[in-house]
Structure formats: C-alpha cells, structure tokens
Amino acid sequence: MTILFIAGNVAVWGALQGFGMPVALVESICHHALIPGELLGGAEPGTRIPVGRDLGCILDGEPSPHTLISSMFMHGGWLHLLFNLWFLWIFGDNVEDVMGPIRFVVFYLLCGIGAAAAQIASAPDSLIPMVGASGAIGGVMGAYARLFPRARVHMLVIFGFFVTTVSVPAIFMLGYWFLLQILAGLPALGSSGGGVAFWAHAGGFLTGLVLSFVFVRNDRLRDRRRRLPRRAQRSWF
C-alpha cells in the first residue's frame, strides 16, 4: 500500500494536476484543495482567492467535505511532491508492515484528516487552499518514532562545501522535525496568510503517534523489530 500511495500521488499529479502546468494546477487546487473557511461555511459566495500568478478561484460558498481526502493527494509543485514521497518511501513500509495493508490505509487517511483538523483549528477563517500528503505522512513519521525509536537513520549534512553523513536514532531526527514544526507554526497561529502548513504537519504527527497504539499488530511489531537493523541502513535524509 505504501507503493500504491506513492503511485496514486504521482498519478493525481499527472492526470489531475497536469504535472504542474499552471492552468491544470490551479483548476485542481480550486476544486480539490482544502479551504478551511469554505469547509466551515464561512466563505462568502463569489469570493476570489489568488492561486498562482495572475490566476485564482471563485468560491461558491458551499462546503466541500470531500476535500478532507482529496487535498492529501494533491501538491503545489514538483519539489513538494518529491520530498513528500521520499519521506513516505523511507518510513511507510516499516509502519505498514506492523499494521497490515488494510489497517495502514485507514491509519494513513485518518492521519491526513487529523492533520487537516489541526490546520483548520489554527486558522478556521483562512481562505488559503491547503494541499499535500505531508500531514498524512507526518502521521506515518509519528508512528515510526514510537515504534522504532532506536532505528538508525542516515542523514546528509551540508556545511558550505563540506558534505558528510551522520547516523542518528530515529527518535532524535523525528523529534527534532516535530519540534521545528511547532516552533515554525507558532508565529502563524491564527493567521490567514499562505505558506507551509506547519500545524498540519504537527497535527498529523501527533495523530499518527496516538493511532499507532490502536492499529499496530504486536506480533508483526516484534518480528519487524528483529529484522529492522538491516533494513534501516537504507534510510537516507
């Protein structure tokens, strides 16, 4: 299912978003992105919101509940897509292994909804479209941090012209990532402006951490922990 989620995001990026071509990208965001103010019924019909350069959406004022799901398969650009899928590829398979494919699908979607709820709570009147799989993937990372805290993750470190790698426990890297989301999200709390949805990342992470207690199968977890050290050496950031 991890591979199918990756393939699904790529398929949506091509078929629905035109591989980032401006008109297709804007149309997809207008119809399938999550807009907190519109979802909660606070957007006036006819309101225009800018999306991209010289383009925008005209809101009809009708809530669109489907965007809670559709938005997590959409992206705003190539780098947005590639970084999200890279994180999913690194952490998704181990989390899926200890849940099973069906549980993992439900878990992933619930993490995406939890991430959306956190972002909406941070700015309920916002009319800025929200897209991306990062909230759901944040949930996968939250589960990984609890389930495999000692797994080694290789990180690429760049200081100017000096490039090296370090191997750190997953709990250190993922905990540091979560802290960054909180610190970066505090200045934007209550703001209706655009930018990175830091609270969606943090909300997804916490949702995944909590739901991992429910969705994990203990027999699978014991088996995966025995085999993880060999697999973990493939993980790079």
Protein backbone atom coordinates (compact mmCIF):
# COMPACT_ATOMS: atom_id res chain seq x y z
CA MET A 1 0.00 0.00 0.00
CA THR A 2 2.92 2.36 0.56
CA ILE A 3 3.90 1.88 -3.07
CA LEU A 4 0.28 2.32 -4.18
CA PHE A 5 0.00 5.57 -2.22
CA ILE A 6 3.16 6.82 -3.91
CA ALA A 7 1.84 5.76 -7.32
CA GLY A 8 -1.54 7.35 -6.57
CA ASN A 9 0.04 10.69 -5.71
CA VAL A 10 2.08 10.61 -8.90
CA ALA A 11 -1.00 9.66 -10.94
CA VAL A 12 -3.01 12.55 -9.50
CA TRP A 13 -0.09 14.91 -10.14
CA GLY A 14 -0.10 13.88 -13.79
CA ALA A 15 -3.75 13.21 -14.63
CA LEU A 16 -5.43 15.87 -12.50
CA GLN A 17 -2.75 18.48 -11.99
CA GLY A 18 -1.11 18.30 -15.42
CA PHE A 19 2.40 17.75 -13.98
CA GLY A 20 2.28 21.28 -12.60
CA MET A 21 1.15 23.11 -15.74
CA PRO A 22 -0.39 26.40 -14.49
CA VAL A 23 -3.99 26.10 -15.70
CA ALA A 24 -4.42 22.44 -14.71
CA LEU A 25 -2.67 23.04 -11.38
CA VAL A 26 -4.91 25.99 -10.47
CA GLU A 27 -8.10 24.19 -11.55
CA SER A 28 -7.20 21.16 -9.46
CA ILE A 29 -6.50 23.32 -6.41
CA CYS A 30 -9.74 25.26 -6.86
CA HIS A 31 -11.84 22.10 -6.93
CA HIS A 32 -9.98 19.68 -4.66
CA ALA A 33 -7.87 21.66 -2.16
CA LEU A 34 -9.00 22.07 1.43
CA ILE A 35 -10.02 25.66 2.20
CA PRO A 36 -10.79 25.99 5.94
CA GLY A 37 -13.12 28.99 5.66
CA GLU A 38 -15.11 27.36 2.87
CA LEU A 39 -15.31 23.97 4.59
CA LEU A 40 -16.71 25.59 7.74
CA GLY A 41 -19.22 27.61 5.75
CA GLY A 42 -17.68 31.00 6.44
CA ALA A 43 -16.77 31.95 2.86
CA GLU A 44 -18.96 34.40 1.00
CA PRO A 45 -20.13 33.19 -2.43
CA GLY A 46 -18.19 34.92 -5.18
CA THR A 47 -15.08 35.47 -3.07
CA ARG A 48 -11.95 35.36 -5.23
CA ILE A 49 -8.77 33.88 -3.83
CA PRO A 50 -5.44 34.08 -5.66
CA VAL A 51 -3.81 30.81 -6.70
CA GLY A 52 -0.54 31.17 -8.53
CA ARG A 53 0.47 34.07 -10.72
CA ASP A 54 -2.49 36.03 -12.17
CA LEU A 55 -4.86 33.12 -11.55
CA GLY A 56 -7.40 32.40 -8.86
CA CYS A 57 -10.56 30.65 -7.71
CA ILE A 58 -14.08 31.98 -7.29
CA LEU A 59 -15.66 30.34 -4.26
CA ASP A 60 -19.30 29.25 -4.39
CA GLY A 61 -19.59 29.33 -0.61
CA GLU A 62 -20.66 25.67 -0.41
CA PRO A 63 -18.73 23.41 1.99
CA SER A 64 -16.82 20.61 0.22
CA PRO A 65 -16.25 17.76 2.70
CA HIS A 66 -14.56 15.62 0.03
CA THR A 67 -11.56 17.97 0.16
CA LEU A 68 -10.56 16.44 3.52
CA ILE A 69 -9.48 13.41 1.47
CA SER A 70 -8.77 14.82 -1.99
CA SER A 71 -6.40 17.50 -0.69
CA MET A 72 -3.98 14.91 0.70
CA PHE A 73 -3.34 13.56 -2.81
CA MET A 74 -2.60 16.98 -4.33
CA HIS A 75 0.60 19.01 -4.43
CA GLY A 76 1.70 22.52 -5.24
CA GLY A 77 4.88 21.75 -7.18
CA TRP A 78 7.50 19.17 -8.13
CA LEU A 79 9.63 19.63 -5.02
CA HIS A 80 6.56 19.45 -2.79
CA LEU A 81 5.64 16.13 -4.39
CA LEU A 82 9.12 14.62 -4.43
CA PHE A 83 10.02 15.46 -0.83
CA ASN A 84 6.71 14.10 0.46
CA LEU A 85 7.03 10.85 -1.44
CA TRP A 86 10.66 10.46 -0.34
CA PHE A 87 9.59 10.65 3.32
CA LEU A 88 6.77 8.18 2.67
CA TRP A 89 9.14 5.76 0.94
CA ILE A 90 11.60 5.85 3.86
CA PHE A 91 9.14 5.35 6.72
CA GLY A 92 5.98 3.93 5.20
CA ASP A 93 6.99 0.33 4.56
CA ASN A 94 8.00 -0.47 8.16
CA VAL A 95 4.87 1.13 9.59
CA GLU A 96 2.70 -0.72 7.06
CA ASP A 97 4.43 -4.00 7.91
CA VAL A 98 3.43 -3.81 11.58
CA MET A 99 -0.17 -2.83 10.78
CA GLY A 100 -1.02 -4.80 7.67
CA PRO A 101 -2.18 -3.19 4.41
CA ILE A 102 -5.86 -2.59 5.23
CA ARG A 103 -5.17 -1.10 8.65
CA PHE A 104 -2.42 1.03 7.14
CA VAL A 105 -4.81 2.54 4.57
CA VAL A 106 -7.30 3.52 7.29
CA PHE A 107 -4.47 4.78 9.50
CA TYR A 108 -3.00 6.90 6.70
CA LEU A 109 -6.32 8.54 5.81
CA LEU A 110 -7.15 9.25 9.46
CA CYS A 111 -3.73 10.87 9.90
CA GLY A 112 -4.47 13.11 6.92
CA ILE A 113 -7.82 14.10 8.41
CA GLY A 114 -6.19 14.73 11.79
CA ALA A 115 -3.61 16.93 10.10
CA ALA A 116 -6.34 18.89 8.31
CA ALA A 117 -8.22 19.34 11.59
CA ALA A 118 -5.12 20.77 13.26
CA GLN A 119 -4.55 23.22 10.41
CA ILE A 120 -8.21 24.28 10.42
CA ALA A 121 -8.12 24.81 14.19
CA SER A 122 -5.05 27.04 13.81
CA ALA A 123 -6.81 29.37 11.34
CA PRO A 124 -10.51 28.48 10.88
CA ASP A 125 -11.30 31.54 8.76
CA SER A 126 -8.42 31.04 6.33
CA LEU A 127 -9.22 31.06 2.62
CA ILE A 128 -5.79 29.76 1.65
CA PRO A 129 -6.02 26.38 -0.14
CA MET A 130 -4.25 23.51 1.61
CA VAL A 131 -2.79 20.65 -0.42
CA GLY A 132 -0.24 17.91 0.12
CA ALA A 133 0.34 14.49 1.58
CA SER A 134 2.66 15.83 4.27
CA GLY A 135 0.05 15.73 7.03
CA ALA A 136 -0.71 12.04 6.45
CA ILE A 137 2.99 11.31 6.05
CA GLY A 138 3.63 13.21 9.29
CA GLY A 139 1.33 10.64 10.88
CA VAL A 140 3.48 7.83 9.47
CA MET A 141 6.53 9.54 10.95
CA GLY A 142 4.83 9.90 14.33
CA ALA A 143 4.05 6.19 14.37
CA TYR A 144 7.61 5.34 13.32
CA ALA A 145 9.05 7.48 16.12
CA ARG A 146 7.10 5.49 18.72
CA LEU A 147 7.52 2.05 17.16
CA PHE A 148 11.18 2.20 16.13
CA PRO A 149 12.81 4.93 18.24
CA ARG A 150 16.29 3.34 18.15
CA ALA A 151 16.39 2.60 14.42
CA ARG A 152 19.35 4.36 12.81
CA VAL A 153 18.62 6.96 10.16
CA HIS A 154 21.40 8.24 7.90
CA MET A 155 21.31 11.99 7.40
CA LEU A 156 23.16 14.02 4.80
CA VAL A 157 24.78 17.06 6.44
CA ILE A 158 25.99 20.03 4.37
CA PHE A 159 28.13 22.87 5.79
CA GLY A 160 29.02 25.08 2.86
CA PHE A 161 31.36 22.99 0.71
CA PHE A 162 31.74 20.33 3.40
CA VAL A 163 29.43 17.33 2.95
CA THR A 164 29.24 14.35 5.30
CA THR A 165 26.76 11.87 6.72
CA VAL A 166 25.74 11.07 10.28
CA SER A 167 23.72 8.19 11.67
CA VAL A 168 21.24 9.12 14.41
CA PRO A 169 18.38 7.36 16.21
CA ALA A 170 15.03 7.85 14.52
CA ILE A 171 13.56 9.39 17.67
CA PHE A 172 16.20 12.14 17.57
CA MET A 173 15.64 13.05 13.91
CA LEU A 174 11.84 12.79 14.03
CA GLY A 175 11.61 14.56 17.39
CA TYR A 176 13.74 17.38 16.02
CA TRP A 177 11.50 17.59 12.93
CA PHE A 178 8.36 17.75 15.10
CA LEU A 179 9.85 20.49 17.28
CA LEU A 180 10.66 22.53 14.18
CA GLN A 181 7.02 22.31 13.04
CA ILE A 182 5.79 23.61 16.40
CA LEU A 183 8.30 26.46 16.54
CA ALA A 184 7.64 27.47 12.93
CA GLY A 185 3.88 27.23 13.39
CA LEU A 186 3.62 29.47 16.47
CA PRO A 187 4.14 32.79 14.61
CA ALA A 188 1.47 31.79 12.06
CA LEU A 189 -1.11 30.77 14.68
CA GLY A 190 -4.43 32.41 13.77
CA SER A 191 -3.01 33.88 10.59
CA SER A 192 -4.94 33.57 7.33
CA GLY A 193 -1.84 34.02 5.21
CA GLY A 194 -0.23 31.40 3.00
CA GLY A 195 2.90 29.34 3.44
CA VAL A 196 3.81 25.94 4.81
CA ALA A 197 1.05 24.21 6.81
CA PHE A 198 3.19 23.60 9.90
CA TRP A 199 0.21 22.81 12.14
CA ALA A 200 -0.96 20.17 9.68
CA HIS A 201 2.47 18.53 9.95
CA ALA A 202 2.39 18.63 13.75
CA GLY A 203 -1.22 17.50 13.91
CA GLY A 204 -0.56 14.59 11.59
CA PHE A 205 2.48 13.55 13.62
CA LEU A 206 0.53 13.50 16.90
CA THR A 207 -2.42 11.73 15.27
CA GLY A 208 -0.12 9.02 13.93
CA LEU A 209 1.63 8.61 17.26
CA VAL A 210 -1.69 8.13 19.11
CA LEU A 211 -3.32 5.92 16.46
CA SER A 212 -0.28 3.64 16.37
CA PHE A 213 -1.44 2.24 19.72
CA VAL A 214 -4.67 1.13 18.05
CA PHE A 215 -3.59 -0.02 14.59
CA VAL A 216 -0.35 -1.89 15.29
CA ARG A 217 -0.38 -5.68 15.50
CA ASN A 218 2.02 -6.68 18.26
CA ASP A 219 3.06 -9.94 16.59
CA ARG A 220 4.08 -8.06 13.46
CA LEU A 221 5.87 -5.41 15.53
CA ARG A 222 8.03 -7.98 17.33
CA ASP A 223 9.02 -9.58 14.05
CA ARG A 224 9.80 -6.25 12.37
CA ARG A 225 11.94 -5.06 15.28
CA ARG A 226 14.08 -8.19 14.96
CA ARG A 227 14.69 -7.51 11.27
CA LEU A 228 14.78 -3.70 11.27
CA PRO A 229 18.53 -3.02 11.85
CA ARG A 230 19.44 -4.48 8.44
CA ARG A 231 16.69 -2.56 6.65
CA ALA A 232 17.30 0.74 8.44
CA GLN A 233 20.67 1.18 6.78
CA ARG A 234 18.85 2.10 3.56
CA SER A 235 17.22 5.17 5.09
CA TRP A 236 18.73 8.48 3.99
CA PHE A 237 17.90 12.16 4.54
